[in-house]
Amino acid sequence: MKNKGQNELLLNTILEEAYPGKFVSEHKGIPGREFRFDAANIADKICIEIEGGIWLGSKGGHTSGMGYEQNLEKYNLATLNGWRLLRYSPSSLKKHPEQIILDVMALTGCKPTKISTRTTVRAKIADQTKLGSMQVRLS
């Protein structure tokens, strides 16, 4: 297993707090292939990818010619195997982590159990999900 990057660790922390036990990291969701999803909800077949290196041009692993080609193959195979793919940039992960929770909720209909993020994130989620009295602890 590759070493987890800071962005993937943040993604998995957000998902584990909002949906405990529902997501796994580094899941090999495509039979016979070495591709791994940054996070996956196996039961609902939702995979989430953080697109790192998007500002590095040809030096970025995900955006170099070969890296981009591999990602396209991975995403298409995921779709063909029934996975629903959500993709985010590192900046959107950090600036708007609530969007990940809202997107997962839109796909599953399942509200998060706990939100342990900044006050602004908590407020946005509460406003959009009618979670008002949800137990929340701030980081």
N, C-alpha and C. Protein backbone atom coordinates (compact mmCIF):
# COMPACT_ATOMS: atom_id res chain seq x y z
N MET A 1 0.85 -1.18 0.00
CA MET A 1 0.00 0.00 0.00
C MET A 1 0.89 1.24 0.00
N LYS A 2 0.56 2.22 -0.81
CA LYS A 2 1.36 3.44 -0.85
C LYS A 2 1.15 4.25 0.42
N ASN A 3 2.09 5.15 0.69
CA ASN A 3 1.94 6.03 1.85
C ASN A 3 0.81 7.02 1.58
N LYS A 4 0.01 7.23 2.59
CA LYS A 4 -1.11 8.15 2.44
C LYS A 4 -0.61 9.58 2.47
N GLY A 5 -1.08 10.38 1.52
CA GLY A 5 -0.75 11.79 1.50
C GLY A 5 -1.64 12.56 2.46
N GLN A 6 -1.24 13.78 2.72
CA GLN A 6 -1.98 14.63 3.65
C GLN A 6 -3.42 14.84 3.20
N ASN A 7 -3.64 15.00 1.91
CA ASN A 7 -5.00 15.22 1.40
C ASN A 7 -5.88 13.99 1.60
N GLU A 8 -5.33 12.82 1.34
CA GLU A 8 -6.11 11.59 1.52
C GLU A 8 -6.41 11.34 2.99
N LEU A 9 -5.45 11.67 3.86
CA LEU A 9 -5.70 11.52 5.30
C LEU A 9 -6.82 12.45 5.76
N LEU A 10 -6.81 13.69 5.26
CA LEU A 10 -7.88 14.64 5.61
C LEU A 10 -9.22 14.13 5.09
N LEU A 11 -9.25 13.65 3.85
CA LEU A 11 -10.48 13.11 3.27
C LEU A 11 -11.02 11.99 4.14
N ASN A 12 -10.17 11.05 4.50
CA ASN A 12 -10.63 9.90 5.28
C ASN A 12 -11.04 10.29 6.70
N THR A 13 -10.42 11.31 7.27
CA THR A 13 -10.83 11.82 8.58
C THR A 13 -12.23 12.40 8.51
N ILE A 14 -12.48 13.22 7.49
CA ILE A 14 -13.80 13.83 7.30
C ILE A 14 -14.86 12.74 7.13
N LEU A 15 -14.58 11.78 6.29
CA LEU A 15 -15.56 10.71 6.03
C LEU A 15 -15.80 9.83 7.24
N GLU A 16 -14.75 9.52 8.00
CA GLU A 16 -14.90 8.66 9.18
C GLU A 16 -15.72 9.36 10.26
N GLU A 17 -15.54 10.67 10.40
CA GLU A 17 -16.31 11.41 11.40
C GLU A 17 -17.77 11.54 10.99
N ALA A 18 -18.00 11.80 9.71
CA ALA A 18 -19.38 11.99 9.24
C ALA A 18 -20.12 10.67 9.05
N TYR A 19 -19.41 9.65 8.59
CA TYR A 19 -20.00 8.35 8.28
C TYR A 19 -19.12 7.23 8.85
N PRO A 20 -19.11 7.06 10.18
CA PRO A 20 -18.22 6.07 10.79
C PRO A 20 -18.40 4.66 10.23
N GLY A 21 -17.27 4.07 9.83
CA GLY A 21 -17.29 2.70 9.34
C GLY A 21 -17.85 2.49 7.95
N LYS A 22 -18.27 3.55 7.28
CA LYS A 22 -18.90 3.42 5.95
C LYS A 22 -17.89 3.49 4.80
N PHE A 23 -16.75 4.15 5.03
CA PHE A 23 -15.75 4.33 3.98
C PHE A 23 -14.44 3.66 4.37
N VAL A 24 -13.75 3.14 3.37
CA VAL A 24 -12.42 2.59 3.56
C VAL A 24 -11.47 3.35 2.64
N SER A 25 -10.20 3.37 3.01
CA SER A 25 -9.21 4.02 2.17
C SER A 25 -8.45 3.00 1.35
N GLU A 26 -7.91 3.45 0.23
CA GLU A 26 -7.07 2.61 -0.62
C GLU A 26 -7.77 1.32 -1.07
N HIS A 27 -9.04 1.42 -1.40
CA HIS A 27 -9.81 0.24 -1.81
C HIS A 27 -9.55 -0.12 -3.27
N LYS A 28 -9.27 -1.39 -3.51
CA LYS A 28 -9.11 -1.90 -4.88
C LYS A 28 -10.49 -2.33 -5.36
N GLY A 29 -11.20 -1.42 -6.01
CA GLY A 29 -12.59 -1.68 -6.38
C GLY A 29 -12.79 -2.23 -7.77
N ILE A 30 -11.70 -2.44 -8.52
CA ILE A 30 -11.83 -2.93 -9.88
C ILE A 30 -11.13 -4.29 -9.95
N PRO A 31 -11.92 -5.36 -10.08
CA PRO A 31 -11.32 -6.71 -10.09
C PRO A 31 -10.23 -6.86 -11.14
N GLY A 32 -9.12 -7.49 -10.72
CA GLY A 32 -8.03 -7.76 -11.64
C GLY A 32 -7.13 -6.58 -11.94
N ARG A 33 -7.37 -5.46 -11.30
CA ARG A 33 -6.56 -4.26 -11.54
C ARG A 33 -5.93 -3.79 -10.24
N GLU A 34 -4.85 -3.06 -10.35
CA GLU A 34 -4.14 -2.55 -9.17
C GLU A 34 -4.65 -1.17 -8.74
N PHE A 35 -5.58 -0.60 -9.48
CA PHE A 35 -6.10 0.72 -9.15
C PHE A 35 -6.69 0.73 -7.75
N ARG A 36 -6.47 1.80 -7.03
CA ARG A 36 -7.03 1.98 -5.69
C ARG A 36 -7.75 3.33 -5.64
N PHE A 37 -8.88 3.34 -4.93
CA PHE A 37 -9.62 4.59 -4.72
C PHE A 37 -9.10 5.23 -3.43
N ASP A 38 -9.04 6.56 -3.40
CA ASP A 38 -8.62 7.26 -2.18
C ASP A 38 -9.56 6.93 -1.02
N ALA A 39 -10.85 6.86 -1.32
CA ALA A 39 -11.85 6.45 -0.33
C ALA A 39 -12.99 5.77 -1.07
N ALA A 40 -13.60 4.79 -0.40
CA ALA A 40 -14.70 4.07 -1.06
C ALA A 40 -15.72 3.61 -0.03
N ASN A 41 -16.98 3.77 -0.40
CA ASN A 41 -18.09 3.19 0.34
C ASN A 41 -18.49 1.97 -0.49
N ILE A 42 -18.07 0.80 -0.02
CA ILE A 42 -18.25 -0.42 -0.80
C ILE A 42 -19.72 -0.77 -0.96
N ALA A 43 -20.49 -0.63 0.10
CA ALA A 43 -21.92 -1.00 0.05
C ALA A 43 -22.69 -0.18 -0.98
N ASP A 44 -22.41 1.12 -1.04
CA ASP A 44 -23.12 2.01 -1.97
C ASP A 44 -22.35 2.24 -3.27
N LYS A 45 -21.17 1.61 -3.40
CA LYS A 45 -20.32 1.75 -4.59
C LYS A 45 -20.06 3.22 -4.94
N ILE A 46 -19.60 3.96 -3.94
CA ILE A 46 -19.19 5.35 -4.14
C ILE A 46 -17.68 5.41 -3.94
N CYS A 47 -16.97 5.95 -4.91
CA CYS A 47 -15.54 6.14 -4.74
C CYS A 47 -15.22 7.63 -4.84
N ILE A 48 -14.23 8.03 -4.05
CA ILE A 48 -13.84 9.44 -3.99
C ILE A 48 -12.35 9.54 -4.26
N GLU A 49 -12.00 10.49 -5.11
CA GLU A 49 -10.61 10.74 -5.47
C GLU A 49 -10.25 12.20 -5.23
N ILE A 50 -9.07 12.41 -4.66
CA ILE A 50 -8.51 13.75 -4.53
C ILE A 50 -7.45 13.87 -5.62
N GLU A 51 -7.64 14.84 -6.49
CA GLU A 51 -6.75 15.01 -7.64
C GLU A 51 -5.55 15.87 -7.26
N GLY A 52 -4.52 15.24 -6.75
CA GLY A 52 -3.32 15.95 -6.33
C GLY A 52 -2.47 16.38 -7.52
N GLY A 53 -1.63 17.37 -7.30
CA GLY A 53 -0.67 17.80 -8.31
C GLY A 53 -1.26 18.53 -9.49
N ILE A 54 -2.46 19.08 -9.34
CA ILE A 54 -3.09 19.71 -10.51
C ILE A 54 -2.41 21.01 -10.92
N TRP A 55 -1.64 21.63 -10.03
CA TRP A 55 -0.96 22.88 -10.36
C TRP A 55 0.52 22.65 -10.69
N LEU A 56 0.93 21.39 -10.77
CA LEU A 56 2.33 21.09 -11.04
C LEU A 56 2.63 20.85 -12.51
N GLY A 57 1.62 20.94 -13.36
CA GLY A 57 1.82 20.72 -14.80
C GLY A 57 2.31 19.32 -15.08
N SER A 58 3.34 19.19 -15.90
CA SER A 58 3.82 17.87 -16.29
C SER A 58 4.56 17.15 -15.16
N LYS A 59 4.83 17.84 -14.04
CA LYS A 59 5.52 17.21 -12.91
C LYS A 59 4.56 16.54 -11.95
N GLY A 60 3.28 16.83 -12.06
CA GLY A 60 2.29 16.25 -11.16
C GLY A 60 1.94 14.83 -11.57
N GLY A 61 1.89 13.93 -10.60
CA GLY A 61 1.60 12.53 -10.89
C GLY A 61 0.25 12.32 -11.55
N HIS A 62 -0.76 13.05 -11.08
CA HIS A 62 -2.11 12.88 -11.63
C HIS A 62 -2.30 13.63 -12.94
N THR A 63 -1.45 14.62 -13.18
CA THR A 63 -1.67 15.47 -14.35
C THR A 63 -0.60 15.30 -15.42
N SER A 64 0.41 14.48 -15.17
CA SER A 64 1.38 14.20 -16.22
C SER A 64 0.67 13.39 -17.29
N GLY A 65 1.24 13.31 -18.47
CA GLY A 65 0.61 12.56 -19.55
C GLY A 65 0.24 11.14 -19.15
N MET A 66 1.19 10.39 -18.61
CA MET A 66 0.94 9.00 -18.24
C MET A 66 -0.01 8.92 -17.05
N GLY A 67 0.18 9.78 -16.05
CA GLY A 67 -0.69 9.78 -14.87
C GLY A 67 -2.13 10.10 -15.23
N TYR A 68 -2.29 11.05 -16.14
CA TYR A 68 -3.64 11.44 -16.56
C TYR A 68 -4.30 10.29 -17.32
N GLU A 69 -3.54 9.66 -18.22
CA GLU A 69 -4.07 8.51 -18.98
C GLU A 69 -4.50 7.39 -18.03
N GLN A 70 -3.68 7.10 -17.02
CA GLN A 70 -4.02 6.05 -16.06
C GLN A 70 -5.28 6.40 -15.27
N ASN A 71 -5.39 7.67 -14.89
CA ASN A 71 -6.59 8.09 -14.16
C ASN A 71 -7.83 7.97 -15.03
N LEU A 72 -7.74 8.35 -16.28
CA LEU A 72 -8.90 8.21 -17.18
C LEU A 72 -9.33 6.75 -17.28
N GLU A 73 -8.36 5.86 -17.43
CA GLU A 73 -8.66 4.43 -17.50
C GLU A 73 -9.33 3.97 -16.20
N LYS A 74 -8.76 4.38 -15.08
CA LYS A 74 -9.31 4.01 -13.76
C LYS A 74 -10.74 4.50 -13.61
N TYR A 75 -11.00 5.76 -13.94
CA TYR A 75 -12.33 6.33 -13.76
C TYR A 75 -13.35 5.67 -14.69
N ASN A 76 -12.96 5.40 -15.92
CA ASN A 76 -13.87 4.74 -16.84
C ASN A 76 -14.17 3.31 -16.40
N LEU A 77 -13.14 2.58 -15.96
CA LEU A 77 -13.36 1.22 -15.46
C LEU A 77 -14.24 1.23 -14.22
N ALA A 78 -14.04 2.22 -13.36
CA ALA A 78 -14.88 2.33 -12.15
C ALA A 78 -16.34 2.50 -12.56
N THR A 79 -16.59 3.39 -13.49
CA THR A 79 -17.96 3.63 -13.95
C THR A 79 -18.55 2.37 -14.59
N LEU A 80 -17.78 1.70 -15.41
CA LEU A 80 -18.25 0.48 -16.07
C LEU A 80 -18.52 -0.64 -15.07
N ASN A 81 -17.86 -0.58 -13.90
CA ASN A 81 -18.07 -1.58 -12.85
C ASN A 81 -19.10 -1.13 -11.82
N GLY A 82 -19.87 -0.08 -12.16
CA GLY A 82 -20.98 0.32 -11.31
C GLY A 82 -20.64 1.29 -10.18
N TRP A 83 -19.42 1.83 -10.16
CA TRP A 83 -19.05 2.80 -9.12
C TRP A 83 -19.50 4.19 -9.51
N ARG A 84 -19.90 4.96 -8.50
CA ARG A 84 -20.21 6.38 -8.69
C ARG A 84 -19.01 7.15 -8.15
N LEU A 85 -18.41 7.95 -9.00
CA LEU A 85 -17.14 8.62 -8.71
C LEU A 85 -17.35 10.09 -8.36
N LEU A 86 -16.74 10.50 -7.25
CA LEU A 86 -16.68 11.91 -6.87
C LEU A 86 -15.22 12.32 -6.88
N ARG A 87 -14.92 13.46 -7.52
CA ARG A 87 -13.54 13.94 -7.62
C ARG A 87 -13.45 15.35 -7.05
N TYR A 88 -12.38 15.59 -6.30
CA TYR A 88 -12.17 16.90 -5.68
C TYR A 88 -10.71 17.31 -5.81
N SER A 89 -10.50 18.61 -5.85
CA SER A 89 -9.13 19.13 -5.82
C SER A 89 -8.70 19.26 -4.36
N PRO A 90 -7.40 19.30 -4.09
CA PRO A 90 -6.95 19.52 -2.72
C PRO A 90 -7.47 20.82 -2.13
N SER A 91 -7.55 21.88 -2.94
CA SER A 91 -8.03 23.15 -2.40
C SER A 91 -9.52 23.08 -2.05
N SER A 92 -10.32 22.39 -2.85
CA SER A 92 -11.74 22.27 -2.50
C SER A 92 -11.92 21.40 -1.26
N LEU A 93 -11.08 20.39 -1.09
CA LEU A 93 -11.11 19.55 0.11
C LEU A 93 -10.88 20.39 1.36
N LYS A 94 -9.92 21.30 1.28
CA LYS A 94 -9.56 22.11 2.45
C LYS A 94 -10.49 23.30 2.66
N LYS A 95 -10.91 23.93 1.58
CA LYS A 95 -11.76 25.13 1.70
C LYS A 95 -13.23 24.79 1.88
N HIS A 96 -13.69 23.70 1.30
CA HIS A 96 -15.11 23.35 1.34
C HIS A 96 -15.32 21.86 1.65
N PRO A 97 -14.82 21.39 2.79
CA PRO A 97 -15.00 19.96 3.10
C PRO A 97 -16.46 19.58 3.27
N GLU A 98 -17.30 20.55 3.57
CA GLU A 98 -18.72 20.25 3.71
C GLU A 98 -19.33 19.73 2.41
N GLN A 99 -18.74 20.13 1.27
CA GLN A 99 -19.30 19.70 -0.01
C GLN A 99 -19.18 18.19 -0.18
N ILE A 100 -18.12 17.61 0.32
CA ILE A 100 -17.97 16.16 0.23
C ILE A 100 -19.09 15.47 1.00
N ILE A 101 -19.36 15.95 2.20
CA ILE A 101 -20.43 15.37 3.02
C ILE A 101 -21.77 15.55 2.33
N LEU A 102 -22.01 16.73 1.80
CA LEU A 102 -23.29 16.99 1.12
C LEU A 102 -23.43 16.12 -0.14
N ASP A 103 -22.34 15.94 -0.88
CA ASP A 103 -22.41 15.11 -2.08
C ASP A 103 -22.66 13.64 -1.74
N VAL A 104 -22.00 13.15 -0.70
CA VAL A 104 -22.25 11.76 -0.27
C VAL A 104 -23.69 11.62 0.18
N MET A 105 -24.18 12.60 0.91
CA MET A 105 -25.56 12.57 1.37
C MET A 105 -26.53 12.56 0.18
N ALA A 106 -26.22 13.33 -0.85
CA ALA A 106 -27.07 13.37 -2.04
C ALA A 106 -27.10 12.01 -2.74
N LEU A 107 -25.98 11.33 -2.77
CA LEU A 107 -25.92 10.02 -3.42
C LEU A 107 -26.57 8.91 -2.60
N THR A 108 -26.45 8.99 -1.28
CA THR A 108 -26.92 7.89 -0.43
C THR A 108 -28.23 8.18 0.30
N GLY A 109 -28.54 9.46 0.49
CA GLY A 109 -29.69 9.82 1.30
C GLY A 109 -29.41 9.69 2.79
N CYS A 110 -28.17 9.37 3.14
CA CYS A 110 -27.78 9.14 4.53
C CYS A 110 -27.15 10.40 5.12
N LYS A 111 -27.74 10.89 6.21
CA LYS A 111 -27.19 12.08 6.88
C LYS A 111 -25.96 11.69 7.70
N PRO A 112 -25.02 12.61 7.83
CA PRO A 112 -23.83 12.32 8.64
C PRO A 112 -24.21 12.17 10.11
N THR A 113 -23.42 11.40 10.85
CA THR A 113 -23.71 11.19 12.26
C THR A 113 -23.06 12.24 13.15
N LYS A 114 -21.93 12.78 12.71
CA LYS A 114 -21.21 13.77 13.51
C LYS A 114 -20.37 14.61 12.57
N ILE A 115 -20.23 15.87 12.89
CA ILE A 115 -19.37 16.75 12.11
C ILE A 115 -18.39 17.38 13.08
N SER A 116 -17.12 17.20 12.82
CA SER A 116 -16.08 17.68 13.71
C SER A 116 -15.17 18.66 12.98
N THR A 117 -15.76 19.68 12.41
CA THR A 117 -15.00 20.62 11.60
C THR A 117 -15.24 22.04 12.06
N ARG A 118 -14.70 22.99 11.31
CA ARG A 118 -14.84 24.40 11.65
C ARG A 118 -16.31 24.82 11.75
N THR A 119 -16.55 25.88 12.49
CA THR A 119 -17.90 26.39 12.70
C THR A 119 -18.58 26.70 11.37
N THR A 120 -17.86 27.30 10.42
CA THR A 120 -18.48 27.66 9.14
C THR A 120 -18.92 26.43 8.37
N VAL A 121 -18.12 25.39 8.41
CA VAL A 121 -18.47 24.15 7.72
C VAL A 121 -19.70 23.54 8.36
N ARG A 122 -19.69 23.47 9.69
CA ARG A 122 -20.83 22.91 10.42
C ARG A 122 -22.11 23.67 10.09
N ALA A 123 -22.02 24.99 10.05
CA ALA A 123 -23.20 25.81 9.76
C ALA A 123 -23.73 25.56 8.35
N LYS A 124 -22.82 25.46 7.38
CA LYS A 124 -23.25 25.20 6.00
C LYS A 124 -23.96 23.86 5.88
N ILE A 125 -23.42 22.85 6.54
CA ILE A 125 -24.03 21.53 6.48
C ILE A 125 -25.38 21.54 7.20
N ALA A 126 -25.42 22.16 8.37
CA ALA A 126 -26.67 22.22 9.13
C ALA A 126 -27.74 22.95 8.32
N ASP A 127 -27.37 24.05 7.68
CA ASP A 127 -28.33 24.80 6.87
C ASP A 127 -28.86 23.97 5.71
N GLN A 128 -27.98 23.24 5.05
CA GLN A 128 -28.37 22.52 3.85
C GLN A 128 -28.98 21.15 4.12
N THR A 129 -28.82 20.65 5.33
CA THR A 129 -29.33 19.31 5.62
C THR A 129 -30.38 19.29 6.71
N LYS A 130 -30.68 20.44 7.27
CA LYS A 130 -31.65 20.54 8.36
C LYS A 130 -31.23 19.68 9.56
N LEU A 131 -29.93 19.74 9.88
CA LEU A 131 -29.39 18.93 10.97
C LEU A 131 -29.31 19.69 12.29
N GLY A 132 -29.80 20.90 12.31
CA GLY A 132 -29.75 21.79 13.44
C GLY A 132 -29.20 21.30 14.77
N SER A 133 -29.79 20.29 15.39
CA SER A 133 -29.39 19.90 16.74
C SER A 133 -28.36 18.77 16.76
N MET A 134 -27.71 18.51 15.64
CA MET A 134 -26.71 17.44 15.58
C MET A 134 -25.59 17.68 16.59
N GLN A 135 -25.13 16.60 17.22
CA GLN A 135 -24.00 16.71 18.12
C GLN A 135 -22.76 17.04 17.32
N VAL A 136 -22.10 18.11 17.69
CA VAL A 136 -20.93 18.55 16.93
C VAL A 136 -19.83 18.94 17.90
N ARG A 137 -18.62 18.54 17.62
CA ARG A 137 -17.48 19.05 18.38
C ARG A 137 -16.57 19.76 17.41
N LEU A 138 -16.01 20.86 17.81
CA LEU A 138 -15.18 21.65 16.93
C LEU A 138 -13.72 21.23 17.07
N SER A 139 -13.01 21.23 15.94
CA SER A 139 -11.58 20.89 15.95
C SER A 139 -10.78 22.12 16.34
